Amino acid sequence: MSSRGSTLAALGAASALFMVTACAAATSSDTSSSPSSAVPAAATTTDPDVGAPPGAEILGRAAVGEPFKLTIDSSDEARPDEFEITVEDVTCGEPLDPKVLAHDSLSAPTEPPTPEDGKQFCVVRMEVLNVGKSEARWTADDTVTLNVDDTAYSQTRDDVQLTTAYEEYWYDQGKPRPSFGLNPASKGPVNAVFQIPTADEPTTLWFAAARWLELTGPEPGYLVRIQPTTQS
């Protein structure tokens, strides 16, 4: 074989070796990376702020069973209304307390209330303690929302009436009624009724640190977690 032929053969062998090496490297790279359809767990982690009104200042966070302090400005700037609120339980999809309904219908018997079509009742059971320096009242009406992720549900007029039925029942059982007013160091139960779609489960509650959810904008407040956030 001529020297020119030997040189061409050597170049051909080197070229083949390079192509094999390059293909092996590309195959290794493709198998080591995740397919584009696979979403890392971290990407599905729940945003801890979901449930708070967009733009609202989150003053604190709690979970079911954890008390938090809610301060609301009053006409006496030196003595704001101060409450310690504990969400004790959130129950959805079950009938309302028959004792409450029976008590509410003593004067005018009616059929048991039913939620709107496609919706279910949720009852948020709370304990409210006055930790301020003077008598103060608190109500969930127009100050609390029950949330399914970033969708907020406030109380309808019918929901407020059902909440009142719970309050009247407990009041007649000798319990203080927070919407009437609590003296310092006194506490009372609140059972706030909401309606959400039957297929949904609530994730958080939002408590405005004011007498309303928003005025010129969303009021600051507290976010209470009902379901644990997803961990990465």
Protein backbone atom coordinates (compact mmCIF):
# COMPACT_ATOMS: atom_id res chain seq x y z
CA MET A 1 0.00 0.00 0.00
CA SER A 2 1.32 3.49 -0.85
CA SER A 3 2.06 6.02 1.90
CA ARG A 4 -0.82 8.12 0.57
CA GLY A 5 -3.23 5.16 0.96
CA SER A 6 -1.98 4.50 4.51
CA THR A 7 -2.62 8.12 5.46
CA LEU A 8 -6.21 8.04 4.12
CA ALA A 9 -6.93 4.79 5.96
CA ALA A 10 -5.64 6.26 9.22
CA LEU A 11 -7.76 9.39 8.81
CA GLY A 12 -10.85 7.26 8.11
CA ALA A 13 -10.33 5.22 11.25
CA ALA A 14 -9.86 8.32 13.36
CA SER A 15 -13.00 9.88 11.92
CA ALA A 16 -15.04 6.75 12.69
CA LEU A 17 -13.73 6.67 16.26
CA PHE A 18 -14.68 10.34 16.75
CA MET A 19 -18.23 9.73 15.50
CA VAL A 20 -18.71 6.75 17.82
CA THR A 21 -17.43 8.74 20.80
CA ALA A 22 -19.67 11.72 19.98
CA CYS A 23 -22.76 9.53 19.65
CA ALA A 24 -22.05 7.81 22.95
CA ALA A 25 -21.69 11.17 24.69
CA ALA A 26 -24.95 12.45 23.20
CA THR A 27 -26.76 9.28 24.28
CA SER A 28 -25.40 9.62 27.81
CA SER A 29 -26.48 13.26 27.98
CA ASP A 30 -30.01 12.48 26.74
CA THR A 31 -30.58 9.71 29.28
CA SER A 32 -29.26 11.70 32.24
CA SER A 33 -31.63 14.69 31.77
CA SER A 34 -35.35 14.65 32.69
CA PRO A 35 -37.96 14.55 29.93
CA SER A 36 -39.62 17.91 29.31
CA SER A 37 -43.01 16.53 30.45
CA ALA A 38 -41.76 15.68 33.93
CA VAL A 39 -42.40 18.53 36.40
CA PRO A 40 -40.09 18.70 39.44
CA ALA A 41 -41.88 18.46 42.81
CA ALA A 42 -40.69 21.93 43.74
CA ALA A 43 -42.61 23.38 40.82
CA THR A 44 -45.91 22.14 42.29
CA THR A 45 -45.30 23.44 45.82
CA THR A 46 -48.26 25.50 47.03
CA ASP A 47 -47.65 29.23 47.28
CA PRO A 48 -47.87 30.06 51.01
CA ASP A 49 -49.64 33.34 50.18
CA VAL A 50 -52.49 31.76 48.20
CA GLY A 51 -55.77 32.66 49.87
CA ALA A 52 -54.76 36.19 50.82
CA PRO A 53 -56.41 38.92 48.73
CA PRO A 54 -54.02 40.13 46.00
CA GLY A 55 -52.02 43.05 47.34
CA ALA A 56 -53.08 42.56 50.97
CA GLU A 57 -50.48 42.68 53.72
CA ILE A 58 -50.24 39.35 55.55
CA LEU A 59 -49.79 40.18 59.23
CA GLY A 60 -49.38 36.58 60.31
CA ARG A 61 -50.12 32.94 59.60
CA ALA A 62 -51.66 30.16 61.65
CA ALA A 63 -53.19 26.71 61.22
CA VAL A 64 -56.32 25.04 62.54
CA GLY A 65 -55.93 24.72 66.30
CA GLU A 66 -53.36 27.55 66.53
CA PRO A 67 -54.55 30.81 68.16
CA PHE A 68 -53.60 34.13 66.61
CA LYS A 69 -54.07 37.70 67.79
CA LEU A 70 -56.30 39.95 65.71
CA THR A 71 -56.08 43.69 66.39
CA ILE A 72 -58.70 46.08 65.00
CA ASP A 73 -58.48 49.85 65.31
CA SER A 74 -61.25 51.48 67.33
CA SER A 75 -62.40 55.03 68.01
CA ASP A 76 -60.20 54.97 71.10
CA GLU A 77 -56.74 54.81 69.55
CA ALA A 78 -55.19 53.91 72.90
CA ARG A 79 -57.48 50.89 73.23
CA PRO A 80 -57.83 48.97 69.97
CA ASP A 81 -60.08 45.92 69.87
CA GLU A 82 -57.89 42.87 70.42
CA PHE A 83 -58.97 39.26 70.06
CA GLU A 84 -57.33 35.88 70.23
CA ILE A 85 -59.03 33.70 67.64
CA THR A 86 -58.64 29.95 67.33
CA VAL A 87 -60.10 28.07 64.38
CA GLU A 88 -61.01 24.76 65.98
CA ASP A 89 -62.53 22.91 63.06
CA VAL A 90 -63.83 23.27 59.49
CA THR A 91 -66.54 20.81 58.44
CA CYS A 92 -67.94 20.62 54.90
CA GLY A 93 -70.61 18.55 53.22
CA GLU A 94 -72.41 17.53 56.41
CA PRO A 95 -75.87 18.56 57.67
CA LEU A 96 -76.01 21.59 59.92
CA ASP A 97 -76.32 20.89 63.65
CA PRO A 98 -79.87 19.60 64.20
CA LYS A 99 -79.97 21.08 67.73
CA VAL A 100 -79.31 24.53 66.28
CA LEU A 101 -81.93 24.10 63.56
CA ALA A 102 -84.51 22.83 66.05
CA HIS A 103 -83.82 25.79 68.34
CA ASP A 104 -84.06 28.24 65.44
CA SER A 105 -87.42 26.88 64.29
CA LEU A 106 -89.22 26.85 67.64
CA SER A 107 -91.18 29.99 66.85
CA ALA A 108 -91.61 29.33 63.12
CA PRO A 109 -90.99 25.71 62.03
CA THR A 110 -89.38 25.52 58.61
CA GLU A 111 -87.75 22.97 56.34
CA PRO A 112 -84.03 22.39 56.99
CA PRO A 113 -81.95 24.86 54.98
CA THR A 114 -80.24 23.61 51.85
CA PRO A 115 -77.22 25.06 50.04
CA GLU A 116 -77.37 26.50 46.55
CA ASP A 117 -77.36 24.05 43.64
CA GLY A 118 -73.93 22.51 43.23
CA LYS A 119 -72.72 23.79 46.57
CA GLN A 120 -72.21 22.48 50.08
CA PHE A 121 -72.31 24.06 53.51
CA CYS A 122 -69.05 24.52 55.38
CA VAL A 123 -69.11 25.39 59.08
CA VAL A 124 -66.04 27.08 60.55
CA ARG A 125 -66.02 26.53 64.32
CA MET A 126 -64.04 29.16 66.24
CA GLU A 127 -63.38 30.39 69.75
CA VAL A 128 -63.00 34.15 70.19
CA LEU A 129 -61.31 35.58 73.29
CA ASN A 130 -61.17 39.30 74.11
CA VAL A 131 -57.55 40.05 75.02
CA GLY A 132 -57.99 43.82 74.89
CA LYS A 133 -58.62 46.46 77.53
CA SER A 134 -62.32 47.13 76.93
CA GLU A 135 -65.52 45.52 75.71
CA ALA A 136 -65.40 44.71 72.02
CA ARG A 137 -67.51 42.86 69.49
CA TRP A 138 -66.44 40.67 66.58
CA THR A 139 -68.32 39.04 63.74
CA ALA A 140 -67.23 36.94 60.76
CA ASP A 141 -69.70 38.76 58.49
CA ASP A 142 -67.74 40.69 55.81
CA THR A 143 -64.44 40.10 57.63
CA VAL A 144 -63.66 36.45 56.82
CA THR A 145 -63.43 34.42 53.61
CA LEU A 146 -63.21 30.67 53.18
CA ASN A 147 -60.84 29.93 50.32
CA VAL A 148 -60.28 27.16 47.82
CA ASP A 149 -56.75 27.92 46.66
CA ASP A 150 -57.01 31.46 45.20
CA THR A 151 -60.83 31.58 45.08
CA ALA A 152 -62.42 33.35 48.05
CA TYR A 153 -65.96 32.70 49.30
CA SER A 154 -67.60 35.20 51.65
CA GLN A 155 -70.87 34.74 53.49
CA THR A 156 -74.17 35.30 51.69
CA ARG A 157 -77.13 36.84 53.50
CA ASP A 158 -78.52 33.33 54.07
CA ASP A 159 -75.15 32.19 55.44
CA VAL A 160 -75.14 35.10 57.88
CA GLN A 161 -78.63 34.14 59.08
CA LEU A 162 -77.48 30.57 59.70
CA THR A 163 -74.43 31.87 61.57
CA THR A 164 -76.79 33.96 63.69
CA ALA A 165 -78.86 30.84 64.43
CA TYR A 166 -75.74 29.19 65.85
CA GLU A 167 -74.97 32.28 67.93
CA GLU A 168 -78.49 32.43 69.34
CA TYR A 169 -78.37 28.74 70.22
CA TRP A 170 -75.08 29.11 72.12
CA TYR A 171 -76.28 32.32 73.76
CA ASP A 172 -79.31 30.49 75.14
CA GLN A 173 -76.93 27.84 76.44
CA GLY A 174 -75.24 30.52 78.54
CA LYS A 175 -72.31 31.25 76.21
CA PRO A 176 -71.24 34.86 75.52
CA ARG A 177 -72.03 36.11 72.03
CA PRO A 178 -69.01 37.80 70.38
CA SER A 179 -71.19 39.77 67.93
CA PHE A 180 -72.99 41.36 70.91
CA GLY A 181 -69.71 42.18 72.65
CA LEU A 182 -67.18 40.47 74.91
CA ASN A 183 -65.68 41.90 78.06
CA PRO A 184 -61.91 41.60 78.52
CA ALA A 185 -60.89 37.98 79.29
CA SER A 186 -64.30 36.68 78.15
CA LYS A 187 -64.64 34.27 75.25
CA GLY A 188 -67.42 32.85 73.15
CA PRO A 189 -68.05 30.45 70.26
CA VAL A 190 -68.58 31.45 66.64
CA ASN A 191 -69.81 29.01 64.00
CA ALA A 192 -69.55 30.76 60.65
CA VAL A 193 -71.40 29.18 57.73
CA PHE A 194 -70.11 29.38 54.14
CA GLN A 195 -70.97 27.72 50.82
CA ILE A 196 -68.42 26.33 48.37
CA PRO A 197 -68.77 23.96 45.36
CA THR A 198 -69.49 20.37 46.33
CA ALA A 199 -66.39 19.02 44.58
CA ASP A 200 -64.02 21.40 46.38
CA GLU A 201 -62.20 21.31 49.68
CA PRO A 202 -61.23 24.53 51.50
CA THR A 203 -57.54 25.26 51.85
CA THR A 204 -57.32 28.50 53.88
CA LEU A 205 -59.25 31.18 55.74
CA TRP A 206 -58.56 34.91 55.52
CA PHE A 207 -59.29 37.15 58.53
CA ALA A 208 -59.25 40.89 57.85
CA ALA A 209 -57.81 43.03 60.64
CA ALA A 210 -60.68 45.48 60.17
CA ARG A 211 -64.48 45.72 60.18
CA TRP A 212 -64.62 44.88 56.49
CA LEU A 213 -62.65 42.89 53.93
CA GLU A 214 -61.72 45.97 51.92
CA LEU A 215 -62.44 49.66 51.71
CA THR A 216 -60.20 51.53 49.29
CA GLY A 217 -58.24 48.30 48.89
CA PRO A 218 -57.83 44.95 50.61
CA GLU A 219 -57.35 45.27 54.34
CA PRO A 220 -54.37 43.55 56.00
CA GLY A 221 -55.09 40.33 57.79
CA TYR A 222 -54.19 36.82 58.82
CA LEU A 223 -54.06 33.64 56.75
CA VAL A 224 -55.10 30.40 58.45
CA ARG A 225 -54.09 27.16 56.80
CA ILE A 226 -56.66 24.36 56.71
CA GLN A 227 -54.69 21.88 54.62
CA PRO A 228 -50.91 21.40 54.92
CA THR A 229 -48.86 22.92 52.13
CA THR A 230 -47.13 20.58 49.68
CA GLN A 231 -43.48 20.06 50.48
CA SER A 232 -40.81 19.89 47.82
